[in-house]
Amino acid sequence: MDVSPADPGTGLFTINPDSGILGIKATANPLLLNYETGPRTFTITVRAQDDDIAAKLADQADVTVTVENINELPRCVFHSTQAVAASF
């Protein structure tokens, strides 16, 4: 069976032809998958086709991928204090 994104759209996604698992391409632009700055949903058309030459059965369906927010670690800023000797 051949399974692939029939309409990859942004080119972010790939489908494993053996398992059918949808994944993110290693070359994908990470800014497009950022919850704060990028789109929050992607709709791609997935097409599956039987490799049997005689039957050539095929179908397709739209799949919506939703980007969810994660709790990112807070950024810590460290301030140092130094003692300075002064005479008046």
N, C-alpha and C. Protein backbone atom coordinates (compact mmCIF):
# COMPACT_ATOMS: atom_id res chain seq x y z
N MET A 1 0.85 -1.17 0.00
CA MET A 1 0.00 0.00 0.00
C MET A 1 0.89 1.23 0.00
N ASP A 2 0.53 2.22 -0.74
CA ASP A 2 1.23 3.49 -0.79
C ASP A 2 0.41 4.51 -0.02
N VAL A 3 1.02 5.12 0.99
CA VAL A 3 0.34 6.14 1.79
C VAL A 3 1.21 7.39 1.76
N SER A 4 0.62 8.51 1.37
CA SER A 4 1.40 9.73 1.29
C SER A 4 0.50 10.94 1.43
N PRO A 5 1.10 12.09 1.83
CA PRO A 5 0.30 13.32 1.81
C PRO A 5 0.01 13.69 0.36
N ALA A 6 -1.24 13.69 -0.01
CA ALA A 6 -1.60 14.07 -1.38
C ALA A 6 -1.45 15.57 -1.57
N ASP A 7 -1.61 16.31 -0.47
CA ASP A 7 -1.48 17.76 -0.50
C ASP A 7 -0.63 18.16 0.69
N PRO A 8 0.71 18.15 0.56
CA PRO A 8 1.54 18.43 1.71
C PRO A 8 1.46 19.85 2.22
N GLY A 9 0.88 20.76 1.45
CA GLY A 9 0.69 22.13 1.92
C GLY A 9 2.02 22.81 2.21
N THR A 10 2.35 22.93 3.47
CA THR A 10 3.56 23.63 3.87
C THR A 10 4.81 22.78 3.76
N GLY A 11 4.68 21.51 3.43
CA GLY A 11 5.83 20.64 3.34
C GLY A 11 6.38 20.24 4.70
N LEU A 12 5.58 20.36 5.74
CA LEU A 12 6.02 20.03 7.10
C LEU A 12 5.93 18.55 7.41
N PHE A 13 5.03 17.86 6.74
CA PHE A 13 4.68 16.51 7.18
C PHE A 13 5.14 15.44 6.21
N THR A 14 5.37 14.27 6.77
CA THR A 14 5.72 13.09 6.00
C THR A 14 4.95 11.91 6.56
N ILE A 15 4.76 10.89 5.76
CA ILE A 15 4.07 9.69 6.22
C ILE A 15 4.97 8.50 5.96
N ASN A 16 5.17 7.69 6.98
CA ASN A 16 5.96 6.47 6.84
C ASN A 16 5.18 5.51 5.95
N PRO A 17 5.75 5.10 4.82
CA PRO A 17 5.00 4.25 3.89
C PRO A 17 4.71 2.85 4.43
N ASP A 18 5.48 2.40 5.41
CA ASP A 18 5.25 1.06 5.96
C ASP A 18 4.22 1.06 7.08
N SER A 19 4.29 2.07 7.96
CA SER A 19 3.40 2.09 9.13
C SER A 19 2.20 3.02 8.95
N GLY A 20 2.33 4.01 8.05
CA GLY A 20 1.26 4.99 7.89
C GLY A 20 1.29 6.08 8.94
N ILE A 21 2.34 6.13 9.77
CA ILE A 21 2.42 7.13 10.84
C ILE A 21 2.81 8.49 10.26
N LEU A 22 2.03 9.50 10.62
CA LEU A 22 2.27 10.87 10.19
C LEU A 22 3.35 11.47 11.08
N GLY A 23 4.35 12.09 10.48
CA GLY A 23 5.43 12.69 11.25
C GLY A 23 5.78 14.07 10.71
N ILE A 24 6.74 14.69 11.35
CA ILE A 24 7.23 16.01 10.95
C ILE A 24 8.57 15.82 10.25
N LYS A 25 8.73 16.44 9.11
CA LYS A 25 9.98 16.33 8.37
C LYS A 25 11.12 16.97 9.16
N ALA A 26 12.29 16.39 9.06
CA ALA A 26 13.47 16.92 9.74
C ALA A 26 13.82 18.31 9.22
N THR A 27 13.44 18.61 8.00
CA THR A 27 13.76 19.90 7.40
C THR A 27 12.66 20.95 7.61
N ALA A 28 11.66 20.63 8.42
CA ALA A 28 10.54 21.55 8.64
C ALA A 28 11.01 22.81 9.36
N ASN A 29 10.41 23.92 9.00
CA ASN A 29 10.70 25.19 9.65
C ASN A 29 10.08 25.18 11.05
N PRO A 30 10.89 25.22 12.13
CA PRO A 30 10.33 25.13 13.48
C PRO A 30 9.42 26.30 13.83
N LEU A 31 9.57 27.45 13.17
CA LEU A 31 8.71 28.59 13.46
C LEU A 31 7.27 28.32 13.06
N LEU A 32 7.07 27.45 12.08
CA LEU A 32 5.71 27.12 11.67
C LEU A 32 5.00 26.23 12.68
N LEU A 33 5.77 25.59 13.57
CA LEU A 33 5.18 24.71 14.57
C LEU A 33 5.21 25.34 15.96
N ASN A 34 5.41 26.64 16.02
CA ASN A 34 5.44 27.35 17.29
C ASN A 34 4.03 27.82 17.63
N TYR A 35 3.52 27.43 18.78
CA TYR A 35 2.15 27.75 19.18
C TYR A 35 1.91 29.26 19.22
N GLU A 36 2.92 30.00 19.70
CA GLU A 36 2.75 31.45 19.86
C GLU A 36 2.81 32.22 18.54
N THR A 37 3.61 31.74 17.59
CA THR A 37 3.84 32.53 16.38
C THR A 37 3.28 31.92 15.10
N GLY A 38 3.12 30.61 15.07
CA GLY A 38 2.69 29.95 13.83
C GLY A 38 1.21 29.64 13.83
N PRO A 39 0.74 29.06 12.75
CA PRO A 39 -0.66 28.62 12.72
C PRO A 39 -0.87 27.50 13.74
N ARG A 40 -2.07 27.40 14.25
CA ARG A 40 -2.34 26.39 15.29
C ARG A 40 -2.96 25.13 14.73
N THR A 41 -3.41 25.15 13.49
CA THR A 41 -3.93 23.93 12.86
C THR A 41 -3.42 23.85 11.42
N PHE A 42 -3.25 22.63 10.98
CA PHE A 42 -2.88 22.34 9.60
C PHE A 42 -3.81 21.25 9.11
N THR A 43 -4.32 21.39 7.91
CA THR A 43 -5.14 20.35 7.31
C THR A 43 -4.42 19.85 6.07
N ILE A 44 -4.16 18.55 6.05
CA ILE A 44 -3.51 17.94 4.89
C ILE A 44 -4.41 16.82 4.37
N THR A 45 -4.30 16.56 3.09
CA THR A 45 -5.04 15.47 2.48
C THR A 45 -4.10 14.27 2.39
N VAL A 46 -4.53 13.15 2.98
CA VAL A 46 -3.74 11.92 2.96
C VAL A 46 -4.38 10.98 1.96
N ARG A 47 -3.54 10.42 1.09
CA ARG A 47 -4.02 9.51 0.06
C ARG A 47 -3.39 8.14 0.28
N ALA A 48 -4.22 7.10 0.22
CA ALA A 48 -3.74 5.71 0.32
C ALA A 48 -4.13 4.99 -0.96
N GLN A 49 -3.18 4.20 -1.47
CA GLN A 49 -3.44 3.47 -2.71
C GLN A 49 -2.88 2.06 -2.59
N ASP A 50 -3.68 1.10 -3.03
CA ASP A 50 -3.27 -0.30 -3.06
C ASP A 50 -2.26 -0.50 -4.18
N ASP A 51 -1.19 -1.22 -3.91
CA ASP A 51 -0.17 -1.46 -4.92
C ASP A 51 -0.55 -2.57 -5.91
N ASP A 52 -1.68 -3.21 -5.69
CA ASP A 52 -2.14 -4.26 -6.61
C ASP A 52 -2.44 -3.64 -7.97
N ILE A 53 -1.75 -4.10 -8.98
CA ILE A 53 -1.88 -3.51 -10.32
C ILE A 53 -3.29 -3.67 -10.86
N ALA A 54 -3.94 -4.80 -10.59
CA ALA A 54 -5.27 -5.06 -11.14
C ALA A 54 -6.35 -4.21 -10.47
N ALA A 55 -6.32 -4.09 -9.15
CA ALA A 55 -7.40 -3.42 -8.44
C ALA A 55 -7.23 -1.90 -8.41
N LYS A 56 -6.05 -1.43 -8.06
CA LYS A 56 -5.78 0.00 -7.92
C LYS A 56 -6.83 0.71 -7.06
N LEU A 57 -7.10 0.13 -5.90
CA LEU A 57 -8.02 0.77 -4.97
C LEU A 57 -7.32 1.94 -4.31
N ALA A 58 -8.03 3.05 -4.17
CA ALA A 58 -7.44 4.25 -3.57
C ALA A 58 -8.52 5.05 -2.86
N ASP A 59 -8.09 5.80 -1.89
CA ASP A 59 -8.99 6.70 -1.19
C ASP A 59 -8.16 7.80 -0.56
N GLN A 60 -8.82 8.86 -0.15
CA GLN A 60 -8.12 9.95 0.51
C GLN A 60 -9.01 10.55 1.59
N ALA A 61 -8.37 11.20 2.54
CA ALA A 61 -9.11 11.83 3.64
C ALA A 61 -8.33 13.04 4.12
N ASP A 62 -9.04 14.02 4.62
CA ASP A 62 -8.40 15.19 5.22
C ASP A 62 -8.05 14.87 6.67
N VAL A 63 -6.85 15.25 7.07
CA VAL A 63 -6.38 15.07 8.44
C VAL A 63 -6.03 16.45 8.97
N THR A 64 -6.55 16.77 10.15
CA THR A 64 -6.23 18.04 10.79
C THR A 64 -5.23 17.80 11.90
N VAL A 65 -4.11 18.53 11.84
CA VAL A 65 -3.08 18.46 12.86
C VAL A 65 -3.18 19.73 13.69
N THR A 66 -3.30 19.58 15.00
CA THR A 66 -3.42 20.73 15.90
C THR A 66 -2.13 20.89 16.70
N VAL A 67 -1.58 22.10 16.68
CA VAL A 67 -0.39 22.42 17.48
C VAL A 67 -0.87 22.86 18.85
N GLU A 68 -0.39 22.19 19.89
CA GLU A 68 -0.80 22.53 21.24
C GLU A 68 0.32 23.27 21.98
N ASN A 69 -0.06 24.05 22.95
CA ASN A 69 0.88 24.80 23.75
C ASN A 69 1.49 23.89 24.82
N ILE A 70 2.75 24.11 25.12
CA ILE A 70 3.39 23.38 26.21
C ILE A 70 3.87 24.39 27.24
N ASN A 71 4.04 23.93 28.45
CA ASN A 71 4.55 24.80 29.50
C ASN A 71 6.06 24.84 29.38
N GLU A 72 6.55 25.94 28.86
CA GLU A 72 7.99 26.08 28.67
C GLU A 72 8.64 26.48 29.98
N LEU A 73 9.87 26.08 30.15
CA LEU A 73 10.59 26.42 31.36
C LEU A 73 10.78 27.93 31.45
N PRO A 74 10.60 28.49 32.64
CA PRO A 74 10.82 29.94 32.77
C PRO A 74 12.30 30.26 32.61
N ARG A 75 12.56 31.43 32.13
CA ARG A 75 13.94 31.87 31.98
C ARG A 75 14.39 32.50 33.29
N CYS A 76 15.52 32.10 33.76
CA CYS A 76 16.05 32.63 35.01
C CYS A 76 17.15 33.65 34.70
N VAL A 77 17.08 34.75 35.41
CA VAL A 77 18.11 35.77 35.29
C VAL A 77 18.78 35.88 36.64
N PHE A 78 20.07 35.70 36.66
CA PHE A 78 20.80 35.77 37.91
C PHE A 78 21.49 37.12 38.01
N HIS A 79 21.33 37.76 39.15
CA HIS A 79 21.99 39.03 39.42
C HIS A 79 23.05 38.78 40.48
N SER A 80 24.19 39.34 40.28
CA SER A 80 25.22 39.18 41.31
C SER A 80 25.41 40.51 42.01
N THR A 81 25.73 40.42 43.26
CA THR A 81 26.04 41.63 44.03
C THR A 81 27.48 41.55 44.47
N GLN A 82 28.12 42.68 44.44
CA GLN A 82 29.51 42.73 44.86
C GLN A 82 29.66 43.79 45.92
N ALA A 83 30.47 43.50 46.90
CA ALA A 83 30.77 44.50 47.93
C ALA A 83 31.96 45.34 47.47
N VAL A 84 31.81 46.62 47.63
CA VAL A 84 32.87 47.53 47.22
C VAL A 84 33.30 48.32 48.44
N ALA A 85 34.57 48.33 48.68
CA ALA A 85 35.10 49.10 49.83
C ALA A 85 35.14 50.58 49.44
N ALA A 86 34.61 51.39 50.30
CA ALA A 86 34.61 52.84 50.04
C ALA A 86 35.08 53.58 51.28
N SER A 87 35.78 54.62 51.08
CA SER A 87 36.18 55.46 52.22
C SER A 87 35.67 56.87 51.99
N PHE A 88 35.17 57.47 53.07
CA PHE A 88 34.60 58.81 52.95
C PHE A 88 35.42 59.79 53.73
